[in-house]
Amino acid sequence: MIFIPYDVKTGKENMQTDSDLLDFAINNQSDEPIFRLYGWSPACVSLGRNQKENFVNKEILNKHNIDVVRRLTGGRALLHDDEITYSYVCPVKSIKNGENVTESYKKISEILINSLAGLGIELDFGGIKKYKGHIDYCMLISTGADLCYKNKKLIGSAQFRKNGYILQHGSILYNYNKDLLESVFQENVDTSAITCIKEINPSITKSDIINCFIKYCKQN
């Protein structure tokens, strides 16, 4: 596995880097998966590939110095702020039944499950929750592709496929600001549906999380 160390970039730079890594793997027909960790500065709202952006209030975003970028992957919007984000690129053929999206999510997410288990955080796959009305904030929707801690969503992931390769990336919530989320997305954020590392164990630092991934990747 190629491991790309944690780095902090703008939203545009982060999405371009993920796209470049996918194209690199395709152009070189690489069999070796690529795993990357990154952060965002300034904070940024990422929109799903086909998501409408009519909910975006640019005045609020400007007030809080929040960028906007569109992802290659689908799904709904995320506020990337106090989190650690991962991305993973691999050929579809490297995963048993990789053509099946659900199976590929489960296999790739083993990296997240096994790494965070080293910090005492036991994760499992979320069930599908249906909400009434229109929801723009991705973390309020839990699907079989997401990872939960005690039935609360901690990691939301999404995929994009191109020329026989998979790009999967997702957000590991370290902490969140409920008021800011509600201001940005202009909807109620039900915090009973989500959790973050700081709620699970306040003593865990971002460096602890990064190091647990480094340890796992070195061993695999």
N, C-alpha and C. Protein backbone atom coordinates (compact mmCIF):
# COMPACT_ATOMS: atom_id res chain seq x y z
N MET A 1 0.84 -1.20 0.00
CA MET A 1 0.00 0.00 0.00
C MET A 1 0.88 1.25 0.00
N ILE A 2 0.54 2.20 -0.87
CA ILE A 2 1.21 3.50 -0.87
C ILE A 2 0.50 4.40 0.13
N PHE A 3 1.24 4.88 1.14
CA PHE A 3 0.65 5.75 2.15
C PHE A 3 1.11 7.18 1.93
N ILE A 4 0.16 8.10 1.82
CA ILE A 4 0.48 9.52 1.65
C ILE A 4 0.19 10.22 2.98
N PRO A 5 1.22 10.75 3.63
CA PRO A 5 1.07 11.32 4.98
C PRO A 5 0.08 12.48 5.03
N TYR A 6 -0.45 12.68 6.21
CA TYR A 6 -1.41 13.75 6.49
C TYR A 6 -0.85 15.11 6.08
N ASP A 7 -1.70 15.87 5.39
CA ASP A 7 -1.34 17.21 4.97
C ASP A 7 -2.60 18.06 4.95
N VAL A 8 -2.45 19.35 5.13
CA VAL A 8 -3.59 20.27 5.15
C VAL A 8 -3.54 21.14 3.90
N LYS A 9 -4.66 21.16 3.16
CA LYS A 9 -4.75 21.94 1.93
C LYS A 9 -6.12 22.62 1.85
N THR A 10 -6.28 23.46 0.85
CA THR A 10 -7.60 24.05 0.59
C THR A 10 -8.52 22.98 0.01
N GLY A 11 -9.81 23.27 0.01
CA GLY A 11 -10.76 22.32 -0.55
C GLY A 11 -10.47 22.00 -2.01
N LYS A 12 -10.19 23.03 -2.80
CA LYS A 12 -9.90 22.83 -4.22
C LYS A 12 -8.67 21.96 -4.40
N GLU A 13 -7.63 22.21 -3.60
CA GLU A 13 -6.39 21.43 -3.70
C GLU A 13 -6.63 19.98 -3.28
N ASN A 14 -7.41 19.79 -2.23
CA ASN A 14 -7.68 18.43 -1.77
C ASN A 14 -8.43 17.61 -2.81
N MET A 15 -9.45 18.18 -3.40
CA MET A 15 -10.22 17.44 -4.40
C MET A 15 -9.40 17.20 -5.66
N GLN A 16 -8.54 18.15 -6.01
CA GLN A 16 -7.68 17.96 -7.17
C GLN A 16 -6.65 16.86 -6.90
N THR A 17 -6.13 16.81 -5.68
CA THR A 17 -5.16 15.77 -5.34
C THR A 17 -5.80 14.38 -5.42
N ASP A 18 -7.01 14.24 -4.89
CA ASP A 18 -7.70 12.95 -4.99
C ASP A 18 -7.92 12.56 -6.44
N SER A 19 -8.33 13.52 -7.26
CA SER A 19 -8.53 13.27 -8.68
C SER A 19 -7.23 12.87 -9.36
N ASP A 20 -6.15 13.56 -9.03
CA ASP A 20 -4.84 13.27 -9.61
C ASP A 20 -4.36 11.87 -9.23
N LEU A 21 -4.60 11.47 -7.98
CA LEU A 21 -4.19 10.14 -7.54
C LEU A 21 -4.95 9.06 -8.29
N LEU A 22 -6.24 9.30 -8.51
CA LEU A 22 -7.03 8.35 -9.29
C LEU A 22 -6.50 8.24 -10.71
N ASP A 23 -6.22 9.37 -11.34
CA ASP A 23 -5.70 9.36 -12.71
C ASP A 23 -4.31 8.72 -12.78
N PHE A 24 -3.51 8.95 -11.75
CA PHE A 24 -2.17 8.34 -11.69
C PHE A 24 -2.30 6.82 -11.69
N ALA A 25 -3.20 6.31 -10.86
CA ALA A 25 -3.38 4.85 -10.78
C ALA A 25 -3.87 4.29 -12.11
N ILE A 26 -4.81 5.00 -12.75
CA ILE A 26 -5.34 4.54 -14.03
C ILE A 26 -4.27 4.56 -15.11
N ASN A 27 -3.55 5.66 -15.21
CA ASN A 27 -2.55 5.82 -16.27
C ASN A 27 -1.40 4.82 -16.13
N ASN A 28 -1.11 4.43 -14.88
CA ASN A 28 -0.02 3.49 -14.65
C ASN A 28 -0.52 2.06 -14.46
N GLN A 29 -1.85 1.89 -14.56
CA GLN A 29 -2.47 0.59 -14.33
C GLN A 29 -1.91 -0.06 -13.06
N SER A 30 -1.87 0.74 -12.01
CA SER A 30 -1.29 0.34 -10.73
C SER A 30 -2.16 -0.68 -10.01
N ASP A 31 -1.50 -1.71 -9.49
CA ASP A 31 -2.19 -2.71 -8.67
C ASP A 31 -2.12 -2.36 -7.19
N GLU A 32 -1.22 -1.43 -6.83
CA GLU A 32 -1.01 -1.10 -5.42
C GLU A 32 -1.98 -0.01 -4.99
N PRO A 33 -2.75 -0.26 -3.93
CA PRO A 33 -3.69 0.77 -3.46
C PRO A 33 -2.97 1.97 -2.88
N ILE A 34 -3.65 3.11 -2.89
CA ILE A 34 -3.12 4.36 -2.35
C ILE A 34 -4.04 4.83 -1.23
N PHE A 35 -3.44 5.12 -0.08
CA PHE A 35 -4.21 5.60 1.06
C PHE A 35 -3.64 6.95 1.50
N ARG A 36 -4.52 7.93 1.62
CA ARG A 36 -4.11 9.30 1.93
C ARG A 36 -4.92 9.85 3.09
N LEU A 37 -4.28 10.67 3.95
CA LEU A 37 -4.96 11.39 5.02
C LEU A 37 -4.76 12.88 4.82
N TYR A 38 -5.81 13.68 5.08
CA TYR A 38 -5.65 15.12 4.90
C TYR A 38 -6.64 15.93 5.73
N GLY A 39 -6.30 17.22 5.83
CA GLY A 39 -7.16 18.18 6.50
C GLY A 39 -7.47 19.35 5.58
N TRP A 40 -8.27 20.29 6.06
CA TRP A 40 -8.78 21.38 5.23
C TRP A 40 -8.51 22.74 5.88
N SER A 41 -8.00 23.67 5.11
CA SER A 41 -7.84 25.04 5.60
C SER A 41 -7.93 26.00 4.41
N PRO A 42 -8.90 26.92 4.43
CA PRO A 42 -9.91 27.09 5.48
C PRO A 42 -10.95 25.97 5.45
N ALA A 43 -11.90 26.02 6.39
CA ALA A 43 -13.02 25.07 6.38
C ALA A 43 -13.72 25.15 5.01
N CYS A 44 -14.34 24.05 4.64
CA CYS A 44 -14.90 23.99 3.28
C CYS A 44 -16.14 23.12 3.24
N VAL A 45 -17.14 23.57 2.49
CA VAL A 45 -18.30 22.73 2.18
C VAL A 45 -18.02 22.02 0.86
N SER A 46 -18.10 20.69 0.88
CA SER A 46 -17.98 19.95 -0.37
C SER A 46 -19.36 19.46 -0.79
N LEU A 47 -19.68 19.70 -2.05
CA LEU A 47 -20.96 19.30 -2.62
C LEU A 47 -20.80 18.00 -3.36
N GLY A 48 -21.82 17.14 -3.28
CA GLY A 48 -21.81 15.90 -4.04
C GLY A 48 -21.80 16.17 -5.53
N ARG A 49 -21.31 15.22 -6.29
CA ARG A 49 -21.12 15.37 -7.73
C ARG A 49 -22.35 15.94 -8.44
N ASN A 50 -23.53 15.47 -8.08
CA ASN A 50 -24.75 15.90 -8.76
C ASN A 50 -25.71 16.67 -7.85
N GLN A 51 -25.21 17.11 -6.72
CA GLN A 51 -26.06 17.80 -5.76
C GLN A 51 -26.35 19.24 -6.17
N LYS A 52 -27.59 19.65 -6.01
CA LYS A 52 -27.93 21.04 -6.25
C LYS A 52 -27.32 21.90 -5.14
N GLU A 53 -26.97 23.13 -5.48
CA GLU A 53 -26.31 24.00 -4.50
C GLU A 53 -27.18 25.20 -4.12
N ASN A 54 -28.47 25.07 -4.36
CA ASN A 54 -29.34 26.21 -4.07
C ASN A 54 -29.50 26.49 -2.58
N PHE A 55 -29.09 25.53 -1.73
CA PHE A 55 -29.19 25.75 -0.30
C PHE A 55 -28.01 26.57 0.23
N VAL A 56 -26.96 26.71 -0.56
CA VAL A 56 -25.74 27.37 -0.10
C VAL A 56 -25.99 28.87 0.09
N ASN A 57 -25.73 29.35 1.29
CA ASN A 57 -25.87 30.77 1.60
C ASN A 57 -24.47 31.38 1.63
N LYS A 58 -24.10 32.03 0.54
CA LYS A 58 -22.73 32.55 0.41
C LYS A 58 -22.41 33.61 1.45
N GLU A 59 -23.42 34.33 1.90
CA GLU A 59 -23.20 35.35 2.93
C GLU A 59 -22.73 34.70 4.22
N ILE A 60 -23.37 33.58 4.60
CA ILE A 60 -22.98 32.86 5.82
C ILE A 60 -21.59 32.26 5.66
N LEU A 61 -21.31 31.68 4.48
CA LEU A 61 -20.00 31.08 4.24
C LEU A 61 -18.90 32.14 4.29
N ASN A 62 -19.14 33.28 3.69
CA ASN A 62 -18.15 34.36 3.71
C ASN A 62 -17.91 34.86 5.14
N LYS A 63 -18.98 34.93 5.92
CA LYS A 63 -18.88 35.38 7.31
C LYS A 63 -17.95 34.49 8.11
N HIS A 64 -18.00 33.18 7.84
CA HIS A 64 -17.21 32.21 8.60
C HIS A 64 -15.96 31.76 7.84
N ASN A 65 -15.65 32.42 6.73
CA ASN A 65 -14.46 32.08 5.93
C ASN A 65 -14.48 30.61 5.52
N ILE A 66 -15.58 30.18 4.92
CA ILE A 66 -15.75 28.79 4.50
C ILE A 66 -15.79 28.73 2.97
N ASP A 67 -14.94 27.90 2.39
CA ASP A 67 -14.91 27.71 0.94
C ASP A 67 -16.00 26.73 0.50
N VAL A 68 -16.18 26.61 -0.81
CA VAL A 68 -17.08 25.62 -1.40
C VAL A 68 -16.36 24.92 -2.54
N VAL A 69 -16.51 23.60 -2.61
CA VAL A 69 -15.90 22.84 -3.69
C VAL A 69 -16.84 21.69 -4.04
N ARG A 70 -16.74 21.20 -5.27
CA ARG A 70 -17.56 20.05 -5.68
C ARG A 70 -16.69 18.81 -5.75
N ARG A 71 -17.20 17.70 -5.22
CA ARG A 71 -16.47 16.44 -5.21
C ARG A 71 -16.70 15.65 -6.49
N LEU A 72 -15.78 14.73 -6.77
CA LEU A 72 -16.03 13.74 -7.82
C LEU A 72 -17.12 12.77 -7.40
N THR A 73 -17.15 12.48 -6.10
CA THR A 73 -18.08 11.48 -5.57
C THR A 73 -19.48 12.05 -5.39
N GLY A 74 -20.43 11.15 -5.28
CA GLY A 74 -21.81 11.55 -5.09
C GLY A 74 -22.14 11.82 -3.63
N GLY A 75 -23.43 11.80 -3.32
CA GLY A 75 -23.87 12.06 -1.95
C GLY A 75 -24.21 13.52 -1.73
N ARG A 76 -24.40 13.84 -0.47
CA ARG A 76 -24.79 15.20 -0.09
C ARG A 76 -23.64 15.98 0.52
N ALA A 77 -23.90 17.21 0.85
CA ALA A 77 -22.84 18.12 1.27
C ALA A 77 -22.28 17.79 2.65
N LEU A 78 -21.02 18.13 2.81
CA LEU A 78 -20.33 18.00 4.09
C LEU A 78 -19.62 19.32 4.41
N LEU A 79 -19.56 19.63 5.70
CA LEU A 79 -18.72 20.74 6.14
C LEU A 79 -17.43 20.13 6.67
N HIS A 80 -16.34 20.37 5.97
CA HIS A 80 -15.03 19.85 6.38
C HIS A 80 -14.36 20.92 7.24
N ASP A 81 -14.33 20.63 8.52
CA ASP A 81 -13.79 21.62 9.46
C ASP A 81 -12.87 20.92 10.43
N ASP A 82 -13.39 20.50 11.56
CA ASP A 82 -12.57 19.84 12.59
C ASP A 82 -12.65 18.33 12.39
N GLU A 83 -11.92 17.83 11.41
CA GLU A 83 -12.01 16.42 11.03
C GLU A 83 -10.69 15.95 10.44
N ILE A 84 -10.60 14.65 10.22
CA ILE A 84 -9.54 14.06 9.43
C ILE A 84 -10.22 13.34 8.27
N THR A 85 -9.77 13.61 7.07
CA THR A 85 -10.36 13.02 5.88
C THR A 85 -9.40 11.98 5.31
N TYR A 86 -9.96 10.92 4.75
CA TYR A 86 -9.14 9.90 4.11
C TYR A 86 -9.56 9.74 2.67
N SER A 87 -8.65 9.24 1.83
CA SER A 87 -9.04 8.80 0.49
C SER A 87 -8.28 7.52 0.18
N TYR A 88 -8.89 6.70 -0.65
CA TYR A 88 -8.33 5.38 -0.99
C TYR A 88 -8.60 5.14 -2.47
N VAL A 89 -7.55 4.76 -3.18
CA VAL A 89 -7.67 4.46 -4.61
C VAL A 89 -7.17 3.04 -4.85
N CYS A 90 -7.93 2.26 -5.61
CA CYS A 90 -7.52 0.89 -5.92
C CYS A 90 -8.25 0.40 -7.17
N PRO A 91 -7.72 -0.63 -7.84
CA PRO A 91 -8.45 -1.22 -8.96
C PRO A 91 -9.63 -2.03 -8.45
N VAL A 92 -10.71 -2.00 -9.19
CA VAL A 92 -11.90 -2.77 -8.82
C VAL A 92 -11.54 -4.25 -8.67
N LYS A 93 -10.69 -4.75 -9.54
CA LYS A 93 -10.35 -6.18 -9.55
C LYS A 93 -9.58 -6.63 -8.31
N SER A 94 -9.04 -5.67 -7.56
CA SER A 94 -8.27 -6.03 -6.37
C SER A 94 -9.16 -6.41 -5.20
N ILE A 95 -10.46 -6.17 -5.32
CA ILE A 95 -11.42 -6.47 -4.27
C ILE A 95 -12.33 -7.60 -4.72
N LYS A 96 -12.46 -8.60 -3.90
CA LYS A 96 -13.37 -9.69 -4.21
C LYS A 96 -14.79 -9.15 -4.36
N ASN A 97 -15.43 -9.45 -5.48
CA ASN A 97 -16.76 -8.91 -5.78
C ASN A 97 -16.75 -7.38 -5.79
N GLY A 98 -15.63 -6.82 -6.27
CA GLY A 98 -15.47 -5.37 -6.26
C GLY A 98 -16.47 -4.62 -7.14
N GLU A 99 -17.07 -5.34 -8.09
CA GLU A 99 -18.10 -4.69 -8.92
C GLU A 99 -19.32 -4.33 -8.10
N ASN A 100 -19.50 -5.04 -6.98
CA ASN A 100 -20.60 -4.75 -6.07
C ASN A 100 -20.19 -3.59 -5.16
N VAL A 101 -20.89 -2.49 -5.26
CA VAL A 101 -20.50 -1.28 -4.53
C VAL A 101 -20.50 -1.51 -3.02
N THR A 102 -21.52 -2.18 -2.52
CA THR A 102 -21.61 -2.43 -1.08
C THR A 102 -20.44 -3.26 -0.59
N GLU A 103 -20.09 -4.30 -1.34
CA GLU A 103 -18.97 -5.16 -0.95
C GLU A 103 -17.65 -4.39 -0.96
N SER A 104 -17.49 -3.49 -1.93
CA SER A 104 -16.25 -2.71 -1.99
C SER A 104 -16.15 -1.73 -0.83
N TYR A 105 -17.29 -1.12 -0.46
CA TYR A 105 -17.29 -0.24 0.71
C TYR A 105 -16.84 -1.00 1.95
N LYS A 106 -17.38 -2.19 2.13
CA LYS A 106 -17.07 -2.98 3.32
C LYS A 106 -15.59 -3.35 3.35
N LYS A 107 -15.04 -3.74 2.20
CA LYS A 107 -13.64 -4.14 2.17
C LYS A 107 -12.71 -2.96 2.44
N ILE A 108 -12.95 -1.84 1.76
CA ILE A 108 -12.10 -0.66 1.95
C ILE A 108 -12.21 -0.13 3.38
N SER A 109 -13.42 -0.21 3.94
CA SER A 109 -13.64 0.33 5.28
C SER A 109 -12.97 -0.50 6.37
N GLU A 110 -12.49 -1.68 6.03
CA GLU A 110 -11.74 -2.47 7.01
C GLU A 110 -10.52 -1.69 7.51
N ILE A 111 -9.94 -0.86 6.65
CA ILE A 111 -8.80 -0.03 7.07
C ILE A 111 -9.21 0.90 8.20
N LEU A 112 -10.38 1.49 8.09
CA LEU A 112 -10.87 2.41 9.10
C LEU A 112 -11.23 1.67 10.38
N ILE A 113 -11.92 0.55 10.24
CA ILE A 113 -12.35 -0.23 11.40
C ILE A 113 -11.14 -0.75 12.17
N ASN A 114 -10.20 -1.35 11.47
CA ASN A 114 -9.05 -1.96 12.13
C ASN A 114 -8.11 -0.92 12.72
N SER A 115 -7.94 0.21 12.03
CA SER A 115 -7.05 1.25 12.55
C SER A 115 -7.60 1.87 13.82
N LEU A 116 -8.87 2.27 13.81
CA LEU A 116 -9.45 2.94 14.96
C LEU A 116 -9.70 1.99 16.13
N ALA A 117 -9.77 0.70 15.84
CA ALA A 117 -9.88 -0.28 16.92
C ALA A 117 -8.66 -0.21 17.83
N GLY A 118 -7.51 0.20 17.26
CA GLY A 118 -6.30 0.36 18.05
C GLY A 118 -6.39 1.47 19.07
N LEU A 119 -7.39 2.34 18.92
CA LEU A 119 -7.63 3.41 19.90
C LEU A 119 -8.84 3.10 20.78
N GLY A 120 -9.32 1.86 20.67
CA GLY A 120 -10.47 1.46 21.48
C GLY A 120 -11.80 1.91 20.92
N ILE A 121 -11.83 2.31 19.65
CA ILE A 121 -13.07 2.76 19.01
C ILE A 121 -13.59 1.63 18.12
N GLU A 122 -14.65 0.98 18.56
CA GLU A 122 -15.22 -0.16 17.83
C GLU A 122 -16.33 0.34 16.90
N LEU A 123 -16.14 0.14 15.61
CA LEU A 123 -17.08 0.65 14.62
C LEU A 123 -17.80 -0.49 13.91
N ASP A 124 -19.01 -0.19 13.44
CA ASP A 124 -19.72 -1.12 12.57
C ASP A 124 -20.49 -0.32 11.53
N PHE A 125 -21.06 -1.03 10.57
CA PHE A 125 -21.75 -0.37 9.47
C PHE A 125 -23.14 0.07 9.89
N GLY A 126 -23.49 1.29 9.49
CA GLY A 126 -24.77 1.86 9.87
C GLY A 126 -25.90 1.27 9.06
N GLY A 127 -27.08 1.28 9.65
CA GLY A 127 -28.26 0.91 8.91
C GLY A 127 -28.79 2.10 8.15
N ILE A 128 -29.75 1.89 7.30
CA ILE A 128 -30.31 2.98 6.50
C ILE A 128 -31.38 3.70 7.31
N LYS A 129 -31.22 5.01 7.45
CA LYS A 129 -32.20 5.82 8.17
C LYS A 129 -32.89 6.75 7.19
N LYS A 130 -34.19 6.82 7.28
CA LYS A 130 -34.95 7.69 6.40
C LYS A 130 -35.48 8.89 7.18
N TYR A 131 -35.29 10.06 6.61
CA TYR A 131 -35.74 11.28 7.24
C TYR A 131 -36.82 11.94 6.39
N LYS A 132 -37.77 12.55 7.05
CA LYS A 132 -38.78 13.28 6.32
C LYS A 132 -38.22 14.63 5.89
N GLY A 133 -38.66 15.09 4.74
CA GLY A 133 -38.21 16.38 4.26
C GLY A 133 -36.89 16.30 3.52
N HIS A 134 -36.38 17.45 3.14
CA HIS A 134 -35.13 17.51 2.37
C HIS A 134 -33.96 17.72 3.30
N ILE A 135 -32.95 16.86 3.18
CA ILE A 135 -31.75 16.95 4.01
C ILE A 135 -30.55 17.23 3.12
N ASP A 136 -29.84 18.33 3.38
CA ASP A 136 -28.64 18.65 2.59
C ASP A 136 -27.36 18.15 3.25
N TYR A 137 -27.35 18.05 4.59
CA TYR A 137 -26.15 17.68 5.31
C TYR A 137 -25.98 16.16 5.31
N CYS A 138 -24.89 15.70 4.73
CA CYS A 138 -24.67 14.27 4.51
C CYS A 138 -24.66 13.44 5.80
N MET A 139 -24.10 13.97 6.88
CA MET A 139 -23.96 13.18 8.09
C MET A 139 -25.29 12.82 8.74
N LEU A 140 -26.37 13.47 8.33
CA LEU A 140 -27.68 13.14 8.88
C LEU A 140 -28.31 11.93 8.19
N ILE A 141 -27.69 11.48 7.10
CA ILE A 141 -28.18 10.31 6.39
C ILE A 141 -27.21 9.16 6.64
N SER A 142 -27.71 8.07 7.20
CA SER A 142 -26.86 6.92 7.46
C SER A 142 -27.24 5.78 6.51
N THR A 143 -26.25 5.26 5.80
CA THR A 143 -26.46 4.16 4.86
C THR A 143 -25.56 2.99 5.23
N GLY A 144 -25.70 1.91 4.52
CA GLY A 144 -24.88 0.73 4.76
C GLY A 144 -23.42 0.95 4.47
N ALA A 145 -23.06 2.09 3.87
CA ALA A 145 -21.67 2.38 3.55
C ALA A 145 -20.98 3.18 4.65
N ASP A 146 -21.73 3.63 5.64
CA ASP A 146 -21.17 4.50 6.67
C ASP A 146 -20.77 3.70 7.91
N LEU A 147 -19.85 4.26 8.68
CA LEU A 147 -19.39 3.60 9.90
C LEU A 147 -19.91 4.34 11.12
N CYS A 148 -20.43 3.55 12.06
CA CYS A 148 -21.07 4.11 13.24
C CYS A 148 -20.42 3.59 14.52
N TYR A 149 -20.51 4.42 15.55
CA TYR A 149 -20.09 4.04 16.88
C TYR A 149 -21.33 4.06 17.77
N LYS A 150 -21.71 2.91 18.27
CA LYS A 150 -22.90 2.77 19.10
C LYS A 150 -24.12 3.40 18.43
N ASN A 151 -24.29 3.04 17.14
CA ASN A 151 -25.44 3.46 16.33
C ASN A 151 -25.45 4.95 15.99
N LYS A 152 -24.33 5.63 16.22
CA LYS A 152 -24.22 7.03 15.81
C LYS A 152 -23.16 7.14 14.71
N LYS A 153 -23.46 7.90 13.69
CA LYS A 153 -22.57 8.00 12.54
C LYS A 153 -21.32 8.80 12.89
N LEU A 154 -20.16 8.18 12.62
CA LEU A 154 -18.87 8.82 12.85
C LEU A 154 -18.14 9.12 11.55
N ILE A 155 -18.24 8.20 10.58
CA ILE A 155 -17.54 8.34 9.31
C ILE A 155 -18.51 8.19 8.15
N GLY A 156 -18.58 9.20 7.32
CA GLY A 156 -19.38 9.14 6.10
C GLY A 156 -18.46 9.02 4.90
N SER A 157 -18.74 8.10 3.99
CA SER A 157 -17.88 7.85 2.84
C SER A 157 -18.67 7.89 1.54
N ALA A 158 -17.93 8.09 0.45
CA ALA A 158 -18.55 8.11 -0.88
C ALA A 158 -17.54 7.60 -1.89
N GLN A 159 -18.05 7.10 -3.03
CA GLN A 159 -17.19 6.52 -4.07
C GLN A 159 -17.41 7.18 -5.43
N PHE A 160 -16.34 7.08 -6.23
CA PHE A 160 -16.40 7.42 -7.65
C PHE A 160 -15.59 6.36 -8.39
N ARG A 161 -16.10 5.91 -9.52
CA ARG A 161 -15.43 4.85 -10.29
C ARG A 161 -15.10 5.35 -11.70
N LYS A 162 -13.91 4.97 -12.15
CA LYS A 162 -13.46 5.41 -13.46
C LYS A 162 -12.48 4.40 -14.04
N ASN A 163 -12.77 3.91 -15.23
CA ASN A 163 -11.86 3.03 -15.97
C ASN A 163 -11.34 1.86 -15.14
N GLY A 164 -12.25 1.25 -14.37
CA GLY A 164 -11.85 0.07 -13.61
C GLY A 164 -11.19 0.36 -12.28
N TYR A 165 -11.22 1.61 -11.83
CA TYR A 165 -10.62 1.99 -10.54
C TYR A 165 -11.65 2.67 -9.64
N ILE A 166 -11.40 2.58 -8.35
CA ILE A 166 -12.29 3.16 -7.34
C ILE A 166 -11.55 4.28 -6.59
N LEU A 167 -12.22 5.39 -6.43
CA LEU A 167 -11.80 6.42 -5.48
C LEU A 167 -12.86 6.43 -4.38
N GLN A 168 -12.45 6.15 -3.16
CA GLN A 168 -13.36 6.27 -2.02
C GLN A 168 -12.74 7.25 -1.04
N HIS A 169 -13.51 8.21 -0.61
CA HIS A 169 -13.02 9.12 0.43
C HIS A 169 -14.13 9.41 1.42
N GLY A 170 -13.72 9.88 2.60
CA GLY A 170 -14.72 10.13 3.63
C GLY A 170 -14.18 10.93 4.79
N SER A 171 -15.10 11.39 5.64
CA SER A 171 -14.80 12.28 6.75
C SER A 171 -14.89 11.55 8.08
N ILE A 172 -13.84 11.67 8.87
CA ILE A 172 -13.83 11.17 10.24
C ILE A 172 -14.02 12.38 11.14
N LEU A 173 -15.19 12.52 11.74
CA LEU A 173 -15.48 13.69 12.57
C LEU A 173 -14.63 13.67 13.83
N TYR A 174 -13.79 14.67 14.00
CA TYR A 174 -13.04 14.81 15.25
C TYR A 174 -13.87 15.61 16.25
N ASN A 175 -14.46 16.69 15.78
CA ASN A 175 -15.35 17.50 16.61
C ASN A 175 -16.28 18.25 15.67
N TYR A 176 -17.36 18.80 16.18
CA TYR A 176 -18.26 19.57 15.34
C TYR A 176 -18.90 20.69 16.14
N ASN A 177 -19.33 21.70 15.41
CA ASN A 177 -20.00 22.86 16.00
C ASN A 177 -21.45 22.85 15.51
N LYS A 178 -22.37 22.43 16.38
CA LYS A 178 -23.77 22.28 16.00
C LYS A 178 -24.35 23.58 15.46
N ASP A 179 -24.07 24.68 16.13
CA ASP A 179 -24.62 25.97 15.70
C ASP A 179 -24.12 26.33 14.30
N LEU A 180 -22.83 26.08 14.05
CA LEU A 180 -22.27 26.40 12.74
C LEU A 180 -22.89 25.51 11.66
N LEU A 181 -23.05 24.23 11.95
CA LEU A 181 -23.66 23.31 10.99
C LEU A 181 -25.08 23.77 10.63
N GLU A 182 -25.85 24.14 11.63
CA GLU A 182 -27.23 24.56 11.38
C GLU A 182 -27.26 25.88 10.62
N SER A 183 -26.30 26.73 10.87
CA SER A 183 -26.22 28.01 10.16
C SER A 183 -25.88 27.77 8.68
N VAL A 184 -24.90 26.90 8.43
CA VAL A 184 -24.45 26.63 7.06
C VAL A 184 -25.51 25.91 6.26
N PHE A 185 -26.11 24.87 6.86
CA PHE A 185 -27.05 24.04 6.10
C PHE A 185 -28.50 24.48 6.26
N GLN A 186 -28.74 25.42 7.16
CA GLN A 186 -30.07 26.01 7.35
C GLN A 186 -31.12 24.94 7.60
N GLU A 187 -30.74 23.98 8.45
CA GLU A 187 -31.66 22.93 8.86
C GLU A 187 -31.25 22.43 10.23
N ASN A 188 -32.17 21.80 10.93
CA ASN A 188 -31.87 21.26 12.24
C ASN A 188 -30.90 20.09 12.13
N VAL A 189 -29.87 20.09 12.95
CA VAL A 189 -28.90 19.00 12.98
C VAL A 189 -29.19 18.15 14.21
N ASP A 190 -29.69 16.96 14.00
CA ASP A 190 -30.03 16.05 15.08
C ASP A 190 -28.75 15.38 15.58
N THR A 191 -28.22 15.89 16.68
CA THR A 191 -26.94 15.36 17.17
C THR A 191 -27.07 13.97 17.79
N SER A 192 -28.30 13.49 17.95
CA SER A 192 -28.47 12.12 18.44
C SER A 192 -28.12 11.11 17.35
N ALA A 193 -27.98 11.60 16.11
CA ALA A 193 -27.70 10.70 14.98
C ALA A 193 -26.22 10.64 14.63
N ILE A 194 -25.42 11.58 15.18
CA ILE A 194 -24.00 11.63 14.84
C ILE A 194 -23.15 11.66 16.10
N THR A 195 -21.88 11.33 15.94
CA THR A 195 -20.93 11.45 17.04
C THR A 195 -19.59 11.90 16.48
N CYS A 196 -18.64 12.12 17.36
CA CYS A 196 -17.30 12.54 16.95
C CYS A 196 -16.27 11.95 17.91
N ILE A 197 -15.03 12.01 17.54
CA ILE A 197 -13.97 11.44 18.37
C ILE A 197 -13.94 12.09 19.75
N LYS A 198 -14.13 13.40 19.82
CA LYS A 198 -14.07 14.12 21.09
C LYS A 198 -15.18 13.67 22.04
N GLU A 199 -16.32 13.24 21.50
CA GLU A 199 -17.39 12.73 22.35
C GLU A 199 -17.08 11.30 22.81
N ILE A 200 -16.47 10.52 21.93
CA ILE A 200 -16.16 9.14 22.26
C ILE A 200 -15.07 9.05 23.32
N ASN A 201 -14.01 9.82 23.10
CA ASN A 201 -12.88 9.82 24.05
C ASN A 201 -12.14 11.15 23.92
N PRO A 202 -12.40 12.11 24.82
CA PRO A 202 -11.80 13.45 24.72
C PRO A 202 -10.27 13.45 24.78
N SER A 203 -9.67 12.37 25.27
CA SER A 203 -8.21 12.35 25.40
C SER A 203 -7.51 12.00 24.09
N ILE A 204 -8.25 11.52 23.10
CA ILE A 204 -7.65 11.16 21.82
C ILE A 204 -7.39 12.41 21.00
N THR A 205 -6.16 12.55 20.51
CA THR A 205 -5.79 13.71 19.70
C THR A 205 -5.82 13.33 18.22
N LYS A 206 -5.73 14.36 17.38
CA LYS A 206 -5.65 14.08 15.95
C LYS A 206 -4.38 13.32 15.62
N SER A 207 -3.31 13.64 16.32
CA SER A 207 -2.05 12.91 16.10
C SER A 207 -2.21 11.44 16.43
N ASP A 208 -2.98 11.12 17.47
CA ASP A 208 -3.24 9.72 17.81
C ASP A 208 -3.93 9.00 16.66
N ILE A 209 -4.90 9.69 16.05
CA ILE A 209 -5.65 9.08 14.94
C ILE A 209 -4.73 8.87 13.74
N ILE A 210 -3.96 9.89 13.41
CA ILE A 210 -3.04 9.78 12.27
C ILE A 210 -2.05 8.65 12.50
N ASN A 211 -1.52 8.55 13.72
CA ASN A 211 -0.53 7.52 14.03
C ASN A 211 -1.12 6.11 13.98
N CYS A 212 -2.39 5.97 14.34
CA CYS A 212 -2.99 4.63 14.29
C CYS A 212 -3.13 4.17 12.85
N PHE A 213 -3.36 5.09 11.93
CA PHE A 213 -3.41 4.74 10.51
C PHE A 213 -2.02 4.42 9.97
N ILE A 214 -1.02 5.20 10.39
CA ILE A 214 0.35 4.95 9.96
C ILE A 214 0.77 3.55 10.39
N LYS A 215 0.47 3.19 11.63
CA LYS A 215 0.83 1.88 12.16
C LYS A 215 0.16 0.77 11.37
N TYR A 216 -1.13 0.95 11.08
CA TYR A 216 -1.86 -0.08 10.33
C TYR A 216 -1.30 -0.24 8.92
N CYS A 217 -1.04 0.88 8.26
CA CYS A 217 -0.55 0.82 6.88
C CYS A 217 0.84 0.19 6.81
N LYS A 218 1.68 0.43 7.80
CA LYS A 218 3.01 -0.18 7.81
C LYS A 218 2.93 -1.69 7.97
N GLN A 219 1.91 -2.13 8.69
CA GLN A 219 1.75 -3.56 8.95
C GLN A 219 1.04 -4.28 7.80
N ASN A 220 0.49 -3.51 6.88
CA ASN A 220 -0.27 -4.11 5.78
C ASN A 220 0.23 -3.59 4.43
